[in-house]
Amino acid sequence: MQMFAEERQRLVAARVAEAGRVSVTELAERFAVTTETVRRDLAALEQTGVLRRVHGGAVPADVLSTTETTLSERLVQHLPEKRLIAEAAAELIATSRPGSILLDAGSSTEALVDVLLGQAASGRRNGTEQLVITNALPIADKLAGSPGHAVQLLGGRIRGLTRAAVGQETVDAVERLRPDLAVVGTNGVHAVFGLSTPDSEEAAVKAAFVRSARRVVVLADASKLGIEALVQFARLDQIDAIVTNADPEPDLAAALEKAGVEAVKAGNP
C-alpha cells in the first residue's frame, strides 16, 4: 500500500532524530521511493524547521557547525555504538602494541579507556607498562590507578565544557613529543573538509596530536560521518585509520580510500 507523503515525512523526521544523520540513498531504500521524492521530503521538512539538509542527506535542525554538547551529555549519547568502536580501537592498539599513546579528550576516547582498563583487570594485557599522554582530566583520573599504564597529563587552560586542557601551552607540549600512536575524537568527518570540531582551541590541540604522532587513529560514530563542524583540524590524508560503526557514504568512502585511510567498521566479525 502506498504511503502518504505526510506519513512518510513524519517517519523520515523520526529517523533523522534517531540516527543523527541519514543519507538520501538510505531513505529511498527504506521507504521504497525515488531519491527525488526523498529530496522533496527533506526540503519540505527543512522548511518546517525539523531538520537541516547537508550534502547527500540530512541532520537534525540543531546540528550546526558550532553545535557542541557538554562532555556529560556526550557520555550518554550513542553508548552501544561507542562501546563497539572502543573495542575495535582496543584491538588495533593490541595489534600494534604502541609504547606511547596520545589520547584525545572526548566521550569516544573515554569509552576506549574503559575497555583498556577492563582488559588490564582481566589480565589480557601482556604486563608491559604503556605511557598514555592526554589533555583530558577524566581520562587521566581513570588511568592514574591502573598498574598497566603510566599517565602524563598535559598542561594548559582547562575548558569546562569538555574538561580538556587547551591553549598554546598544551599545543607546545604536544609538539615536543613523538608518540607511537594518537587516538583522536572528532565532531565531523567529511570527504572534502576532512576532520573538524566546533572550537578553535580544541582544534589546535587535535591538529598538534595529528602532526606529532607516528600513527593516527580517529574514533567517529555514525552521527559524525559526512558532517562539517566549524574548524578543520586535519585532512583525511593526515590520518591512518578511522574506526566507526557504519559504512561511510560512497563519496566519503572513496575519499578515505584515496587518502589511504584504513576504515575499520566496529562490530564486524
Protein backbone atom coordinates (compact mmCIF):
# COMPACT_ATOMS: atom_id res chain seq x y z
CA MET A 1 0.00 0.00 0.00
CA GLN A 2 1.36 3.40 -0.95
CA MET A 3 2.30 5.66 1.94
CA PHE A 4 1.02 9.23 2.01
CA ALA A 5 3.67 11.96 1.86
CA GLU A 6 2.74 13.34 5.30
CA GLU A 7 3.15 9.95 6.96
CA ARG A 8 6.44 9.29 5.15
CA GLN A 9 7.81 12.70 6.15
CA ARG A 10 6.89 12.05 9.77
CA LEU A 11 8.84 8.78 9.65
CA VAL A 12 11.76 10.49 7.86
CA ALA A 13 11.92 13.12 10.61
CA ALA A 14 11.88 10.39 13.26
CA ARG A 15 14.70 8.52 11.52
CA VAL A 16 16.88 11.66 11.32
CA ALA A 17 16.30 12.39 15.01
CA GLU A 18 17.18 8.79 15.92
CA ALA A 19 20.27 8.36 13.73
CA GLY A 20 21.72 11.87 13.89
CA ARG A 21 22.41 11.78 10.15
CA VAL A 22 20.78 9.90 7.30
CA SER A 23 21.52 9.73 3.60
CA VAL A 24 19.16 10.23 0.71
CA THR A 25 20.01 6.74 -0.53
CA GLU A 26 19.18 5.11 2.81
CA LEU A 27 15.82 6.88 2.99
CA ALA A 28 14.94 6.00 -0.61
CA GLU A 29 15.61 2.32 0.09
CA ARG A 30 13.79 2.38 3.44
CA PHE A 31 10.59 3.87 2.01
CA ALA A 32 10.82 2.37 -1.50
CA VAL A 33 10.68 5.75 -3.23
CA THR A 34 12.98 7.60 -5.61
CA THR A 35 15.82 9.79 -4.43
CA GLU A 36 13.99 12.76 -5.99
CA THR A 37 11.00 12.06 -3.74
CA VAL A 38 13.28 11.92 -0.70
CA ARG A 39 14.87 15.25 -1.60
CA ARG A 40 11.41 16.82 -1.86
CA ASP A 41 10.53 15.39 1.55
CA LEU A 42 13.74 16.76 3.05
CA ALA A 43 13.13 20.17 1.51
CA ALA A 44 9.63 20.25 3.00
CA LEU A 45 10.88 19.19 6.42
CA GLU A 46 13.69 21.75 6.32
CA GLN A 47 11.14 24.50 5.67
CA THR A 48 9.26 23.49 8.82
CA GLY A 49 12.49 23.55 10.84
CA VAL A 50 12.51 19.84 11.63
CA LEU A 51 15.87 19.07 10.02
CA ARG A 52 18.72 20.58 8.03
CA ARG A 53 19.83 19.29 4.67
CA VAL A 54 23.52 18.52 4.17
CA HIS A 55 25.41 17.05 1.24
CA GLY A 56 23.86 13.67 0.48
CA GLY A 57 21.34 13.64 3.29
CA ALA A 58 20.05 15.43 6.40
CA VAL A 59 20.84 16.06 10.06
CA PRO A 60 18.67 17.35 12.93
CA ALA A 61 17.99 21.08 12.80
CA ASP A 62 20.11 21.77 15.89
CA VAL A 63 23.25 20.18 14.41
CA LEU A 64 25.12 23.29 13.32
CA SER A 65 28.81 23.88 12.64
CA THR A 66 29.13 25.49 16.09
CA THR A 67 26.95 22.98 17.98
CA GLU A 68 28.82 21.44 20.90
CA THR A 69 27.34 19.49 23.78
CA THR A 70 28.96 19.07 27.17
CA LEU A 71 31.08 16.04 27.95
CA SER A 72 28.47 14.75 30.41
CA GLU A 73 25.81 14.92 27.69
CA ARG A 74 28.03 13.12 25.16
CA LEU A 75 28.87 10.37 27.62
CA VAL A 76 25.27 9.14 27.46
CA GLN A 77 24.78 9.51 23.70
CA HIS A 78 25.25 6.56 21.28
CA LEU A 79 26.58 4.36 24.09
CA PRO A 80 26.31 0.95 22.32
CA GLU A 81 27.98 2.34 19.20
CA LYS A 82 30.80 3.95 21.17
CA ARG A 83 31.38 0.72 23.07
CA LEU A 84 31.75 -1.21 19.81
CA ILE A 85 34.11 1.45 18.43
CA ALA A 86 36.15 1.38 21.63
CA GLU A 87 36.50 -2.39 21.50
CA ALA A 88 37.64 -2.26 17.85
CA ALA A 89 40.12 0.51 18.65
CA ALA A 90 41.48 -1.52 21.57
CA GLU A 91 42.13 -4.39 19.17
CA LEU A 92 44.08 -2.05 16.89
CA ILE A 93 46.14 -0.92 19.86
CA ALA A 94 46.76 -4.51 20.96
CA THR A 95 47.92 -5.40 17.44
CA SER A 96 50.37 -2.52 17.06
CA ARG A 97 51.44 -2.58 20.75
CA PRO A 98 52.50 1.09 20.93
CA GLY A 99 54.76 2.08 23.79
CA SER A 100 53.28 5.57 23.97
CA ILE A 101 49.79 6.84 23.14
CA LEU A 102 48.47 10.38 22.82
CA LEU A 103 44.84 10.16 23.90
CA ASP A 104 42.48 12.97 22.96
CA ALA A 105 39.68 14.27 25.17
CA GLY A 106 36.12 13.16 24.48
CA SER A 107 33.43 10.58 25.12
CA SER A 108 34.68 8.12 22.49
CA THR A 109 38.24 8.13 23.82
CA GLU A 110 36.90 7.82 27.36
CA ALA A 111 34.95 4.73 26.26
CA LEU A 112 38.24 3.36 24.90
CA VAL A 113 39.87 3.90 28.30
CA ASP A 114 37.09 1.87 29.94
CA VAL A 115 37.82 -1.00 27.56
CA LEU A 116 41.58 -0.78 28.17
CA LEU A 117 41.04 -0.81 31.92
CA GLY A 118 38.78 -3.85 31.57
CA GLN A 119 41.47 -5.65 29.62
CA ALA A 120 44.08 -4.80 32.24
CA ALA A 121 41.82 -6.05 35.03
CA SER A 122 41.15 -9.32 33.21
CA GLY A 123 44.85 -9.91 32.55
CA ARG A 124 44.55 -9.59 28.76
CA ARG A 125 47.48 -7.16 28.62
CA ASN A 126 51.00 -8.52 28.39
CA GLY A 127 52.24 -6.77 31.51
CA THR A 128 54.27 -4.11 29.70
CA GLU A 129 53.50 -0.64 31.05
CA GLN A 130 52.14 1.73 28.44
CA LEU A 131 52.65 5.50 28.56
CA VAL A 132 49.42 7.43 27.98
CA ILE A 133 49.70 11.16 27.40
CA THR A 134 46.41 13.06 27.48
CA ASN A 135 44.89 16.52 27.76
CA ALA A 136 41.70 15.10 29.32
CA LEU A 137 41.21 15.32 33.08
CA PRO A 138 38.66 12.44 33.26
CA ILE A 139 40.92 10.12 31.26
CA ALA A 140 43.99 10.92 33.35
CA ASP A 141 41.97 10.34 36.52
CA LYS A 142 40.68 6.96 35.31
CA LEU A 143 44.11 5.71 34.23
CA ALA A 144 46.03 7.03 37.23
CA GLY A 145 45.25 3.94 39.26
CA SER A 146 45.90 1.43 36.50
CA PRO A 147 49.00 -0.75 37.06
CA GLY A 148 49.37 -1.24 33.30
CA HIS A 149 49.61 2.44 32.43
CA ALA A 150 51.88 5.36 33.19
CA VAL A 151 49.99 8.64 32.77
CA GLN A 152 51.23 12.05 31.72
CA LEU A 153 48.72 14.92 31.87
CA LEU A 154 49.33 17.83 29.52
CA GLY A 155 49.13 21.31 30.98
CA GLY A 156 47.07 24.23 29.79
CA ARG A 157 43.80 26.04 30.44
CA ILE A 158 41.01 23.61 31.35
CA ARG A 159 37.96 24.07 29.16
CA GLY A 160 34.91 23.44 31.32
CA LEU A 161 32.67 22.13 28.54
CA THR A 162 34.98 19.23 27.69
CA ARG A 163 37.28 19.13 30.76
CA ALA A 164 40.24 19.23 28.38
CA ALA A 165 43.46 21.23 28.56
CA VAL A 166 43.70 23.67 25.65
CA GLY A 167 45.74 26.70 24.64
CA GLN A 168 49.23 27.42 23.39
CA GLU A 169 50.88 25.73 26.38
CA THR A 170 49.10 22.49 25.50
CA VAL A 171 49.96 22.75 21.81
CA ASP A 172 53.63 23.49 22.57
CA ALA A 173 53.83 20.48 24.91
CA VAL A 174 52.37 18.16 22.27
CA GLU A 175 54.71 19.41 19.57
CA ARG A 176 57.72 18.42 21.69
CA LEU A 177 56.54 14.81 21.61
CA ARG A 178 56.78 11.99 19.06
CA PRO A 179 54.45 9.25 20.36
CA ASP A 180 53.87 5.95 18.60
CA LEU A 181 50.11 6.49 18.32
CA ALA A 182 47.49 9.23 18.67
CA VAL A 183 43.83 8.36 19.18
CA VAL A 184 41.67 11.33 18.31
CA GLY A 185 37.96 12.08 18.53
CA THR A 186 36.13 14.32 16.08
CA ASN A 187 32.81 16.11 15.60
CA GLY A 188 32.82 15.68 11.84
CA VAL A 189 34.38 13.54 9.10
CA HIS A 190 33.80 14.91 5.60
CA ALA A 191 35.02 13.82 2.18
CA VAL A 192 36.27 17.32 1.30
CA PHE A 193 36.58 19.21 4.61
CA GLY A 194 38.28 16.38 6.47
CA LEU A 195 38.13 16.27 10.28
CA SER A 196 36.59 19.13 12.19
CA THR A 197 35.35 20.34 15.57
CA PRO A 198 33.40 23.43 16.69
CA ASP A 199 36.01 25.05 18.95
CA SER A 200 39.22 26.62 17.60
CA GLU A 201 41.29 25.87 20.72
CA GLU A 202 40.23 22.22 20.76
CA ALA A 203 41.00 22.10 17.02
CA ALA A 204 44.52 23.45 17.61
CA VAL A 205 45.27 20.70 20.16
CA LYS A 206 43.81 17.98 17.93
CA ALA A 207 45.87 19.27 14.99
CA ALA A 208 49.01 19.09 17.14
CA PHE A 209 48.13 15.49 18.08
CA VAL A 210 47.84 14.61 14.39
CA ARG A 211 51.15 16.28 13.48
CA SER A 212 53.09 14.75 16.35
CA ALA A 213 52.19 11.06 16.28
CA ARG A 214 53.74 8.38 14.09
CA ARG A 215 50.29 6.86 13.53
CA VAL A 216 46.85 8.48 13.93
CA VAL A 217 43.58 6.64 14.60
CA VAL A 218 40.29 8.53 14.61
CA LEU A 219 37.18 7.38 16.50
CA ALA A 220 33.87 8.52 14.99
CA ASP A 221 30.39 7.11 15.45
CA ALA A 222 27.96 7.20 12.53
CA SER A 223 26.46 10.55 13.56
CA LYS A 224 29.82 12.23 12.74
CA LEU A 225 30.15 10.87 9.20
CA GLY A 226 29.52 13.40 6.45
CA ILE A 227 29.42 16.27 8.97
CA GLU A 228 31.35 19.55 8.76
CA ALA A 229 31.94 21.34 12.07
CA LEU A 230 33.31 24.88 12.14
CA VAL A 231 37.09 24.32 12.36
CA GLN A 232 39.11 21.81 10.35
CA PHE A 233 41.95 20.19 12.28
CA ALA A 234 43.18 17.54 9.81
CA ARG A 235 42.93 16.44 6.20
CA LEU A 236 41.97 12.85 5.53
CA ASP A 237 45.45 12.10 4.20
CA GLN A 238 46.94 13.04 7.58
CA ILE A 239 45.31 10.11 9.38
CA ASP A 240 45.99 6.39 9.15
CA ALA A 241 42.77 4.75 10.27
CA ILE A 242 39.21 5.56 11.24
CA VAL A 243 37.08 3.35 13.47
CA THR A 244 33.34 3.78 13.08
CA ASN A 245 30.16 1.73 13.41
CA ALA A 246 28.67 2.32 9.95
CA ASP A 247 29.63 2.14 6.31
CA PRO A 248 30.55 5.64 5.09
CA GLU A 249 28.55 7.08 2.21
CA PRO A 250 30.12 6.43 -1.22
CA ASP A 251 31.73 9.88 -1.52
CA LEU A 252 33.34 9.63 1.91
CA ALA A 253 34.35 6.00 1.37
CA ALA A 254 36.04 6.96 -1.90
CA ALA A 255 37.81 9.91 -0.27
CA LEU A 256 39.08 7.72 2.58
CA GLU A 257 40.36 5.13 0.13
CA LYS A 258 42.09 7.78 -1.99
CA ALA A 259 43.74 9.21 1.12
CA GLY A 260 44.99 5.76 2.12
CA VAL A 261 42.92 5.65 5.32
CA GLU A 262 42.06 2.24 6.74
CA ALA A 263 38.33 2.20 7.54
CA VAL A 264 37.52 -0.20 10.38
CA LYS A 265 33.85 -0.97 10.93
CA ALA A 266 33.25 -1.81 14.56
CA GLY A 267 31.22 -4.89 15.26
CA ASN A 268 32.35 -6.75 12.14
CA PRO A 269 33.32 -10.36 12.82
